[in-house]
Amino acid sequence: MKEFSTSRRRFLNASVATTAVFGAERSLLADDSRKAGGNSGEAKNVIFMVSDGMNHGALSLAHLYRQRHQSKETNWTRLYQERPVVRSLVETYSHSSCVTDSAAAASAWGCGHRIDNGVLNILPDGTVSTPLHTKLQKVGRKTGLVSTATITHATPAGFAANVPSRGQEKDIAKQYLDRRVDVLLGGGTKFFDADLVQQFQAAGYQSISSRAELKKIDPAAGGPLLGLFSNGHMPYEIDRTNDPALDKSTPTLAEMSRAALNRLQSAKEGFFLMIEGARIDHAGHANDAAASIHDQLAFDDAIGEAIAFIDKNPDTLLVITTDHGCGGIQMNGVKGKPDEKFGPGSYSASNAYFDRLAQFSRSLEWMSQNGIKGLSGDKLAAALEKYTGLKLNDEQTKMAQGLRGGAGVALGQHTGVTWTSQNHTGELVEFCAIGPGSDRFPAFMKNRDAHDILLATLKIAV
């Protein structure tokens, strides 16, 4: 992807000039005692939150679901209503494509350059670029990575690792140890063999593997922490909450976020913590609307933990964003039909169709792993009705066979939620920030720009 040659230094100068113009107005908003500290100045800590694969449709659906079925607002939208949030639209291109993957997107944040899809912090000419973790560590700051994917997956790895292929997750795990990332919480036991875990322990890491162990951690405890809670990716939130065994063994993203913040908060020079809701992206690939909504809400609960922290620690910058969209999820207006109970008027059936998603109790992934993937005909229809509450006709049942993209289409005919593809999408994405340094972010950015702004906010030479 050919890029403009505007220097990053000129961009930062322009950002500072914008701050001078608008900083006074924003500081007035920050005077409210309910709000975290002002948006200017330098930050001691950074919490960088990523809802992987989230387009505006995914954000909107979670907002709508929480309003209609939990009778409250999301933490994210409450931020916009109650606090002096700085918002940006972000262009997400990679070096090789107008549609990025998570490796290139995370590397843009992690090293400040656009690189090819599938690569982590290695430039197209082969130059190995220093990732953000290493830059922070050199000035005494602690770092942490939290994810509902494997902790060695593309997004967390983009902040700390250098590999030519994102699939080298065993190598990434070893680099985390060699580079001493302070907190690692997520899935991916299969990439940490017994010998490697012992090496982490010998290096001083506390090692845990269950929700119960996470809850028992002393909030005041220090030292590095390794928590691996599943063999691969962590389960979808809809499955965790409806499967007693998963609920017992698997912590929520909010619980992992709280533990990580507790572990890092005593860092004298400050810290950088990346928190990823990874499975929103996976739900997009699977065209699984219910899984997308519930994982987006789990991410929103983690936002609540971050807000509670910055209220007590106003020297902390909070960033909330996404790396790219995935699947193009959207709620579409549904018109009432003569044979249905909905009244006249445009889109009169929309609420009732959307509310059917509250009946869902399992993800398509869970159903696939529990024997439904191989079913067809009446057996498949009965199984889907058990876990979704929906009665599919013969044509829809045939469409859903195999529980791939066709299942999302068939279920969407009953809920009004549909998709554009099972792939990443290339739209501009949401980026917001609050706290010291947030006024440095302009209203429009390229994804790579955030790297240098973060370093400037932490008073680290670019």
Protein backbone atom coordinates (compact mmCIF):
# COMPACT_ATOMS: atom_id res chain seq x y z
CA MET A 1 0.00 0.00 0.00
CA LYS A 2 1.66 3.22 -1.19
CA GLU A 3 1.68 5.87 1.51
CA PHE A 4 2.12 9.63 1.72
CA SER A 5 5.60 10.70 2.82
CA THR A 6 4.49 13.20 5.50
CA SER A 7 6.91 12.87 8.40
CA ARG A 8 5.67 11.66 11.74
CA ARG A 9 7.47 14.53 13.39
CA ARG A 10 5.45 17.09 11.42
CA PHE A 11 2.31 15.16 12.35
CA LEU A 12 3.17 15.38 16.05
CA ASN A 13 3.87 19.08 15.78
CA ALA A 14 0.45 19.55 14.20
CA SER A 15 -1.07 17.53 17.02
CA VAL A 16 0.51 19.79 19.61
CA ALA A 17 -0.78 22.86 17.77
CA THR A 18 -4.29 21.42 17.80
CA THR A 19 -3.96 20.86 21.53
CA ALA A 20 -3.07 24.52 22.03
CA VAL A 21 -6.23 25.62 20.26
CA PHE A 22 -8.68 23.26 21.89
CA GLY A 23 -6.97 22.37 25.17
CA ALA A 24 -8.62 25.13 27.19
CA GLU A 25 -12.11 24.04 26.20
CA ARG A 26 -11.38 20.42 27.08
CA SER A 27 -9.86 21.36 30.46
CA LEU A 28 -13.12 23.01 31.46
CA LEU A 29 -14.91 19.73 30.90
CA ALA A 30 -12.32 17.90 32.95
CA ASP A 31 -13.12 19.94 36.06
CA ASP A 32 -16.13 17.75 36.87
CA SER A 33 -15.22 15.65 39.91
CA ARG A 34 -16.78 12.55 38.33
CA LYS A 35 -14.19 12.58 35.59
CA ALA A 36 -10.64 11.25 35.48
CA GLY A 37 -7.77 13.72 35.29
CA GLY A 38 -7.36 16.31 32.57
CA ASN A 39 -6.62 15.37 28.98
CA SER A 40 -3.35 17.31 28.66
CA GLY A 41 0.14 16.62 29.96
CA GLU A 42 2.08 13.37 30.29
CA ALA A 43 0.86 10.03 31.58
CA LYS A 44 2.51 7.70 34.05
CA ASN A 45 0.45 4.68 32.94
CA VAL A 46 -1.36 3.61 29.78
CA ILE A 47 -4.26 1.16 29.46
CA PHE A 48 -4.69 0.31 25.78
CA MET A 49 -7.88 -1.65 25.08
CA VAL A 50 -8.58 -3.43 21.79
CA SER A 51 -11.92 -4.90 20.73
CA ASP A 52 -10.44 -7.00 17.95
CA GLY A 53 -12.49 -7.12 14.75
CA MET A 54 -15.10 -4.63 15.95
CA ASN A 55 -16.85 -2.49 13.39
CA HIS A 56 -19.41 0.12 14.38
CA GLY A 57 -22.15 -2.47 13.86
CA ALA A 58 -20.71 -4.71 16.59
CA LEU A 59 -20.45 -1.76 18.97
CA SER A 60 -24.03 -0.72 18.17
CA LEU A 61 -25.49 -4.19 18.69
CA ALA A 62 -23.88 -4.58 22.11
CA HIS A 63 -25.19 -1.13 23.06
CA LEU A 64 -28.71 -2.10 21.92
CA TYR A 65 -28.61 -5.48 23.68
CA ARG A 66 -27.49 -4.00 26.99
CA GLN A 67 -30.23 -1.38 26.81
CA ARG A 68 -33.02 -3.80 25.96
CA HIS A 69 -32.02 -6.83 28.03
CA GLN A 70 -29.97 -5.45 30.92
CA SER A 71 -31.70 -2.07 31.28
CA LYS A 72 -28.54 -0.01 31.34
CA GLU A 73 -26.00 1.70 29.11
CA THR A 74 -22.67 0.25 28.10
CA ASN A 75 -19.60 1.63 29.85
CA TRP A 76 -18.27 2.71 26.46
CA THR A 77 -21.28 4.83 25.54
CA ARG A 78 -21.48 6.23 29.07
CA LEU A 79 -17.93 7.50 28.62
CA TYR A 80 -19.09 9.47 25.61
CA GLN A 81 -22.07 10.87 27.51
CA GLU A 82 -20.37 11.76 30.79
CA ARG A 83 -16.68 12.46 30.21
CA PRO A 84 -14.39 14.59 28.04
CA VAL A 85 -13.46 11.78 25.67
CA VAL A 86 -11.22 12.50 22.69
CA ARG A 87 -12.45 10.62 19.61
CA SER A 88 -10.73 9.77 16.33
CA LEU A 89 -11.43 7.87 13.16
CA VAL A 90 -8.56 5.60 12.17
CA GLU A 91 -7.43 4.37 8.78
CA THR A 92 -6.35 0.76 9.23
CA TYR A 93 -4.31 -0.13 6.11
CA SER A 94 -1.31 -2.41 6.33
CA HIS A 95 1.75 -2.00 4.11
CA SER A 96 0.51 -4.75 1.80
CA SER A 97 -3.25 -4.18 1.72
CA CYS A 98 -6.15 -1.78 2.29
CA VAL A 99 -7.57 -4.58 4.49
CA THR A 100 -5.26 -5.38 7.38
CA ASP A 101 -4.86 -8.45 9.51
CA SER A 102 -4.29 -8.28 13.26
CA ALA A 103 -0.53 -8.83 13.03
CA ALA A 104 0.10 -5.82 10.82
CA ALA A 105 -2.42 -3.72 12.75
CA ALA A 106 -0.87 -4.51 16.14
CA SER A 107 2.60 -3.93 14.73
CA ALA A 108 1.52 -0.46 13.57
CA TRP A 109 0.77 0.29 17.21
CA GLY A 110 3.76 -1.71 18.45
CA CYS A 111 6.53 -0.26 16.30
CA GLY A 112 5.05 2.75 14.51
CA HIS A 113 5.38 1.40 10.98
CA ARG A 114 3.03 -0.22 8.52
CA ILE A 115 4.18 -3.71 7.66
CA ASP A 116 2.89 -6.62 5.60
CA ASN A 117 -0.05 -8.71 6.73
CA GLY A 118 0.95 -11.76 8.75
CA VAL A 119 4.23 -10.26 9.99
CA LEU A 120 5.04 -8.99 13.49
CA ASN A 121 7.32 -5.95 13.83
CA ILE A 122 9.58 -6.75 10.88
CA LEU A 123 9.59 -4.14 8.12
CA PRO A 124 9.17 -5.03 4.44
CA ASP A 125 12.91 -4.55 3.86
CA GLY A 126 13.70 -7.07 6.60
CA THR A 127 14.57 -4.55 9.31
CA VAL A 128 13.64 -5.81 12.78
CA SER A 129 11.83 -2.95 14.50
CA THR A 130 11.98 -2.50 18.26
CA PRO A 131 8.52 -3.18 19.74
CA LEU A 132 6.84 -0.96 22.29
CA HIS A 133 7.49 -3.34 25.21
CA THR A 134 11.25 -3.08 24.77
CA LYS A 135 11.16 0.71 24.52
CA LEU A 136 9.13 0.93 27.70
CA GLN A 137 11.23 -1.60 29.58
CA LYS A 138 14.40 0.38 28.85
CA VAL A 139 13.02 3.34 30.80
CA GLY A 140 11.83 1.23 33.72
CA ARG A 141 8.15 0.83 32.90
CA LYS A 142 6.32 -2.44 33.47
CA THR A 143 4.26 -4.04 30.71
CA GLY A 144 1.32 -6.42 30.59
CA LEU A 145 -0.71 -8.26 27.95
CA VAL A 146 -4.22 -9.62 28.51
CA SER A 147 -6.28 -11.41 25.85
CA THR A 148 -9.18 -13.82 25.39
CA ALA A 149 -7.23 -15.38 22.50
CA THR A 150 -4.02 -17.30 22.97
CA ILE A 151 -1.74 -14.82 24.69
CA THR A 152 0.75 -15.43 21.85
CA HIS A 153 -1.82 -14.39 19.22
CA ALA A 154 -1.20 -11.56 16.77
CA THR A 155 -2.56 -8.62 18.74
CA PRO A 156 -0.73 -9.12 22.05
CA ALA A 157 2.40 -10.24 20.21
CA GLY A 158 2.41 -7.03 18.20
CA PHE A 159 3.40 -5.11 21.32
CA ALA A 160 6.33 -7.31 22.33
CA ALA A 161 7.57 -9.78 19.69
CA ASN A 162 9.41 -9.94 16.36
CA VAL A 163 8.66 -12.88 14.04
CA PRO A 164 8.26 -13.17 10.26
CA SER A 165 5.03 -15.13 10.66
CA ARG A 166 2.30 -14.62 13.24
CA GLY A 167 1.82 -18.39 13.36
CA GLN A 168 5.13 -18.84 15.22
CA GLU A 169 3.36 -18.78 18.56
CA LYS A 170 5.84 -21.06 20.34
CA ASP A 171 8.63 -18.66 19.37
CA ILE A 172 6.53 -15.74 20.60
CA ALA A 173 6.05 -17.47 23.96
CA LYS A 174 9.82 -17.83 24.33
CA GLN A 175 10.35 -14.19 23.39
CA TYR A 176 7.93 -13.14 26.13
CA LEU A 177 10.18 -14.91 28.64
CA ASP A 178 13.44 -13.65 27.14
CA ARG A 179 12.10 -10.10 27.09
CA ARG A 180 10.44 -10.36 30.52
CA VAL A 181 6.92 -9.14 29.77
CA ASP A 182 5.67 -8.60 33.32
CA VAL A 183 2.05 -9.81 33.09
CA LEU A 184 0.67 -12.38 30.63
CA LEU A 185 -2.97 -13.49 31.00
CA GLY A 186 -4.99 -15.38 28.39
CA GLY A 187 -5.26 -18.68 26.58
CA GLY A 188 -2.66 -20.78 24.80
CA THR A 189 -1.33 -23.48 27.12
CA LYS A 190 -0.39 -25.51 24.04
CA PHE A 191 2.32 -22.99 23.20
CA PHE A 192 3.91 -23.18 26.66
CA ASP A 193 5.26 -26.68 27.27
CA ALA A 194 6.09 -27.83 30.80
CA ASP A 195 9.74 -26.95 30.41
CA LEU A 196 8.95 -23.39 29.30
CA VAL A 197 6.51 -22.88 32.18
CA GLN A 198 9.23 -24.05 34.57
CA GLN A 199 11.57 -21.49 33.01
CA PHE A 200 9.00 -18.77 33.64
CA GLN A 201 8.70 -19.91 37.24
CA ALA A 202 12.48 -19.98 37.65
CA ALA A 203 12.56 -16.41 36.37
CA GLY A 204 10.22 -15.37 39.19
CA TYR A 205 6.82 -15.58 37.52
CA GLN A 206 3.82 -16.68 39.51
CA SER A 207 2.07 -19.26 37.32
CA ILE A 208 -1.70 -19.87 37.49
CA SER A 209 -4.21 -21.79 35.34
CA SER A 210 -7.73 -21.37 36.72
CA ARG A 211 -10.32 -18.78 37.64
CA ALA A 212 -10.10 -19.84 41.28
CA GLU A 213 -6.35 -19.27 41.37
CA LEU A 214 -6.76 -15.84 39.76
CA LYS A 215 -9.31 -14.83 42.39
CA LYS A 216 -6.97 -15.92 45.20
CA ILE A 217 -4.12 -13.67 44.10
CA ASP A 218 -3.23 -11.05 46.68
CA PRO A 219 -4.15 -7.69 45.07
CA ALA A 220 -1.06 -6.17 46.63
CA ALA A 221 1.30 -8.87 45.38
CA GLY A 222 4.11 -7.82 43.08
CA GLY A 223 6.33 -9.65 40.65
CA PRO A 224 5.68 -11.05 37.18
CA LEU A 225 2.57 -13.13 36.48
CA LEU A 226 1.76 -15.84 33.91
CA GLY A 227 -1.85 -17.02 33.67
CA LEU A 228 -2.91 -19.54 31.02
CA PHE A 229 -6.58 -20.54 31.23
CA SER A 230 -7.24 -22.69 28.16
CA ASN A 231 -5.38 -24.87 25.70
CA GLY A 232 -6.22 -22.58 22.78
CA HIS A 233 -8.39 -19.49 22.69
CA MET A 234 -10.55 -18.86 25.74
CA PRO A 235 -14.22 -19.78 25.27
CA TYR A 236 -16.79 -17.33 24.02
CA GLU A 237 -18.55 -15.45 26.79
CA ILE A 238 -21.94 -16.88 25.81
CA ASP A 239 -20.53 -20.38 26.37
CA ARG A 240 -18.68 -19.50 29.55
CA THR A 241 -21.81 -18.13 31.19
CA ASN A 242 -24.05 -21.03 30.11
CA ASP A 243 -21.65 -23.95 30.66
CA PRO A 244 -21.05 -24.52 34.41
CA ALA A 245 -17.69 -26.21 33.83
CA LEU A 246 -16.40 -23.35 31.70
CA ASP A 247 -17.76 -20.79 34.12
CA LYS A 248 -15.92 -22.46 36.99
CA SER A 249 -12.58 -22.75 35.22
CA THR A 250 -12.43 -19.63 33.05
CA PRO A 251 -12.04 -16.06 34.30
CA THR A 252 -13.80 -13.18 32.60
CA LEU A 253 -11.90 -10.54 30.69
CA ALA A 254 -12.89 -8.07 33.41
CA GLU A 255 -11.40 -10.34 36.10
CA MET A 256 -8.15 -10.73 34.17
CA SER A 257 -8.01 -6.98 33.60
CA ARG A 258 -8.50 -6.26 37.30
CA ALA A 259 -5.78 -8.75 38.25
CA ALA A 260 -3.36 -7.26 35.75
CA LEU A 261 -4.01 -3.72 36.96
CA ASN A 262 -3.53 -4.80 40.57
CA ARG A 263 -0.24 -6.46 39.69
CA LEU A 264 1.10 -3.46 37.75
CA GLN A 265 -0.19 -0.53 39.81
CA SER A 266 2.79 -0.46 42.16
CA ALA A 267 5.27 0.06 39.31
CA LYS A 268 7.28 3.12 40.38
CA GLU A 269 7.92 4.33 36.84
CA GLY A 270 4.48 3.40 35.58
CA PHE A 271 3.17 0.71 33.24
CA PHE A 272 1.62 -0.09 29.87
CA LEU A 273 -1.20 -2.66 29.80
CA MET A 274 -2.83 -3.96 26.62
CA ILE A 275 -6.26 -5.59 27.10
CA GLU A 276 -7.79 -7.42 24.13
CA GLY A 277 -11.31 -8.70 23.61
CA ALA A 278 -10.11 -11.05 20.90
CA ARG A 279 -13.10 -13.19 20.18
CA ILE A 280 -15.28 -10.44 18.71
CA ASP A 281 -13.10 -10.96 15.65
CA HIS A 282 -13.59 -14.73 15.73
CA ALA A 283 -17.35 -14.29 15.97
CA GLY A 284 -17.15 -12.07 12.90
CA HIS A 285 -15.31 -14.75 10.94
CA ALA A 286 -17.93 -17.27 12.03
CA ASN A 287 -20.87 -14.90 11.38
CA ASP A 288 -22.09 -15.65 14.91
CA ALA A 289 -24.15 -12.67 16.08
CA ALA A 290 -24.89 -13.87 19.61
CA ALA A 291 -21.24 -14.70 20.27
CA SER A 292 -20.21 -11.28 18.95
CA ILE A 293 -22.64 -9.41 21.17
CA HIS A 294 -21.78 -11.27 24.38
CA ASP A 295 -18.03 -10.97 23.86
CA GLN A 296 -18.40 -7.27 23.08
CA LEU A 297 -20.30 -6.91 26.36
CA ALA A 298 -17.57 -8.83 28.21
CA PHE A 299 -15.11 -6.33 26.73
CA ASP A 300 -17.37 -3.53 27.94
CA ASP A 301 -17.25 -4.97 31.46
CA ALA A 302 -13.46 -4.78 31.23
CA ILE A 303 -13.83 -1.12 30.26
CA GLY A 304 -15.65 -0.73 33.58
CA GLU A 305 -12.57 -2.05 35.39
CA ALA A 306 -10.35 0.38 33.49
CA ILE A 307 -12.62 3.32 34.34
CA ALA A 308 -12.57 2.38 38.02
CA PHE A 309 -8.78 2.32 37.89
CA ILE A 310 -8.32 5.68 36.15
CA ASP A 311 -10.74 7.31 38.59
CA LYS A 312 -8.35 6.33 41.38
CA ASN A 313 -5.22 6.91 39.29
CA PRO A 314 -5.80 10.05 37.19
CA ASP A 315 -2.23 9.93 35.89
CA THR A 316 -3.35 7.05 33.62
CA LEU A 317 -4.22 7.39 29.92
CA LEU A 318 -7.04 5.10 28.76
CA VAL A 319 -7.33 4.25 25.07
CA ILE A 320 -10.18 2.13 23.64
CA THR A 321 -10.18 1.10 20.00
CA THR A 322 -10.14 -1.74 17.47
CA ASP A 323 -7.65 -2.90 14.88
CA HIS A 324 -10.15 -3.48 12.04
CA GLY A 325 -13.68 -4.63 11.39
CA CYS A 326 -14.60 -8.24 10.67
CA GLY A 327 -17.66 -9.71 8.97
CA GLY A 328 -19.56 -6.45 8.54
CA ILE A 329 -22.18 -7.25 11.18
CA GLN A 330 -25.23 -4.99 11.21
CA MET A 331 -28.78 -4.82 12.48
CA ASN A 332 -31.12 -4.37 9.54
CA GLY A 333 -34.61 -2.99 9.73
CA VAL A 334 -37.29 -5.72 9.53
CA LYS A 335 -40.72 -4.90 8.15
CA GLY A 336 -43.76 -6.66 9.59
CA LYS A 337 -45.46 -9.29 7.42
CA PRO A 338 -49.22 -9.86 7.06
CA ASP A 339 -49.00 -13.27 8.72
CA GLU A 340 -47.05 -11.97 11.73
CA LYS A 341 -48.26 -10.19 14.84
CA PHE A 342 -46.41 -6.94 14.20
CA GLY A 343 -48.35 -3.78 13.56
CA PRO A 344 -48.20 -1.65 10.43
CA GLY A 345 -45.38 0.77 9.73
CA SER A 346 -41.82 0.63 8.47
CA TYR A 347 -39.52 -1.76 10.34
CA SER A 348 -42.19 -2.57 12.90
CA ALA A 349 -40.75 -6.05 13.45
CA SER A 350 -37.17 -4.92 14.15
CA ASN A 351 -37.31 -4.95 17.95
CA ALA A 352 -38.97 -8.35 18.19
CA TYR A 353 -36.55 -9.89 15.69
CA PHE A 354 -33.52 -8.51 17.52
CA ASP A 355 -34.83 -9.65 20.89
CA ARG A 356 -34.75 -13.26 19.71
CA LEU A 357 -30.99 -13.14 20.22
CA ALA A 358 -31.64 -13.21 23.97
CA GLN A 359 -32.80 -16.83 23.53
CA PHE A 360 -29.37 -17.98 22.30
CA SER A 361 -27.35 -19.94 24.86
CA ARG A 362 -24.37 -21.26 22.86
CA SER A 363 -21.99 -20.14 20.14
CA LEU A 364 -21.76 -21.86 16.77
CA GLU A 365 -18.25 -22.91 17.81
CA TRP A 366 -19.54 -24.69 20.93
CA MET A 367 -22.22 -26.43 18.89
CA SER A 368 -19.61 -27.55 16.35
CA GLN A 369 -17.38 -28.95 19.08
CA ASN A 370 -20.29 -30.77 20.70
CA GLY A 371 -21.50 -32.88 17.81
CA ILE A 372 -24.00 -30.63 16.02
CA LYS A 373 -21.75 -29.81 13.08
CA GLY A 374 -22.34 -33.23 11.50
CA LEU A 375 -26.12 -33.16 11.81
CA SER A 376 -28.61 -32.43 9.04
CA GLY A 377 -32.35 -32.28 8.45
CA ASP A 378 -34.70 -32.57 11.39
CA LYS A 379 -31.89 -33.44 13.85
CA LEU A 380 -29.99 -30.28 12.98
CA ALA A 381 -33.15 -28.16 13.18
CA ALA A 382 -33.98 -29.59 16.62
CA ALA A 383 -30.44 -28.99 17.91
CA LEU A 384 -30.41 -25.40 16.68
CA GLU A 385 -33.81 -24.78 18.24
CA LYS A 386 -32.50 -26.10 21.56
CA TYR A 387 -29.63 -23.60 21.67
CA THR A 388 -31.16 -20.63 19.83
CA GLY A 389 -34.92 -20.94 20.39
CA LEU A 390 -35.45 -20.52 16.65
CA LYS A 391 -37.45 -22.80 14.40
CA LEU A 392 -35.69 -23.02 11.04
CA ASN A 393 -37.58 -24.13 7.93
CA ASP A 394 -36.19 -26.78 5.61
CA GLU A 395 -34.39 -24.28 3.39
CA GLN A 396 -32.80 -22.51 6.36
CA THR A 397 -31.81 -25.82 7.96
CA LYS A 398 -30.05 -26.88 4.77
CA MET A 399 -28.32 -23.49 4.64
CA ALA A 400 -27.09 -23.94 8.23
CA GLN A 401 -25.62 -27.40 7.68
CA GLY A 402 -21.97 -27.48 8.72
CA LEU A 403 -22.47 -24.40 10.94
CA ARG A 404 -20.37 -22.21 8.67
CA GLY A 405 -21.33 -18.90 7.10
CA GLY A 406 -24.67 -20.22 5.94
CA ALA A 407 -25.72 -20.69 9.54
CA GLY A 408 -25.23 -16.99 10.20
CA VAL A 409 -27.35 -16.17 7.16
CA ALA A 410 -30.12 -18.58 8.20
CA LEU A 411 -30.20 -17.30 11.79
CA GLY A 412 -30.09 -13.73 10.52
CA GLN A 413 -33.38 -14.28 8.72
CA HIS A 414 -34.94 -14.68 12.16
CA THR A 415 -33.04 -11.91 14.00
CA GLY A 416 -32.45 -9.15 11.45
CA VAL A 417 -28.69 -9.32 12.06
CA THR A 418 -26.73 -10.03 8.90
CA TRP A 419 -23.17 -9.94 7.60
CA THR A 420 -21.23 -8.81 4.54
CA SER A 421 -18.62 -11.59 4.60
CA GLN A 422 -16.56 -13.86 6.84
CA ASN A 423 -13.48 -11.71 6.28
CA HIS A 424 -11.87 -8.62 7.72
CA THR A 425 -13.25 -5.33 6.48
CA GLY A 426 -11.52 -2.10 5.57
CA GLU A 427 -13.67 0.67 7.07
CA LEU A 428 -12.47 3.52 9.26
CA VAL A 429 -12.65 2.46 12.91
CA GLU A 430 -13.40 4.01 16.28
CA PHE A 431 -10.62 5.27 18.56
CA CYS A 432 -11.17 7.12 21.82
CA ALA A 433 -9.00 8.23 24.71
CA ILE A 434 -9.33 9.95 28.06
CA GLY A 435 -6.77 11.14 30.57
CA PRO A 436 -3.37 12.81 30.34
CA GLY A 437 -2.07 12.94 26.78
CA SER A 438 -5.38 12.13 25.15
CA ASP A 439 -5.59 15.61 23.61
CA ARG A 440 -2.59 14.69 21.47
CA PHE A 441 -4.74 12.37 19.35
CA PRO A 442 -6.23 14.18 16.33
CA ALA A 443 -9.68 13.58 14.89
CA PHE A 444 -8.25 11.46 12.07
CA MET A 445 -5.22 9.18 12.23
CA LYS A 446 -3.41 6.42 10.44
CA ASN A 447 -3.08 3.39 12.71
CA ARG A 448 0.71 3.77 12.94
CA ASP A 449 0.42 7.32 14.32
CA ALA A 450 -0.71 6.13 17.75
CA HIS A 451 2.73 4.66 18.50
CA ASP A 452 4.63 7.96 18.54
CA ILE A 453 1.83 9.78 20.33
CA LEU A 454 1.90 7.17 23.10
CA LEU A 455 5.68 7.54 23.45
CA ALA A 456 5.38 11.33 23.57
CA THR A 457 2.67 11.06 26.23
CA LEU A 458 4.98 8.85 28.31
CA LYS A 459 7.88 11.28 27.78
CA ILE A 460 9.91 8.72 25.84
CA ALA A 461 12.00 9.99 22.93
CA VAL A 462 10.55 8.98 19.56
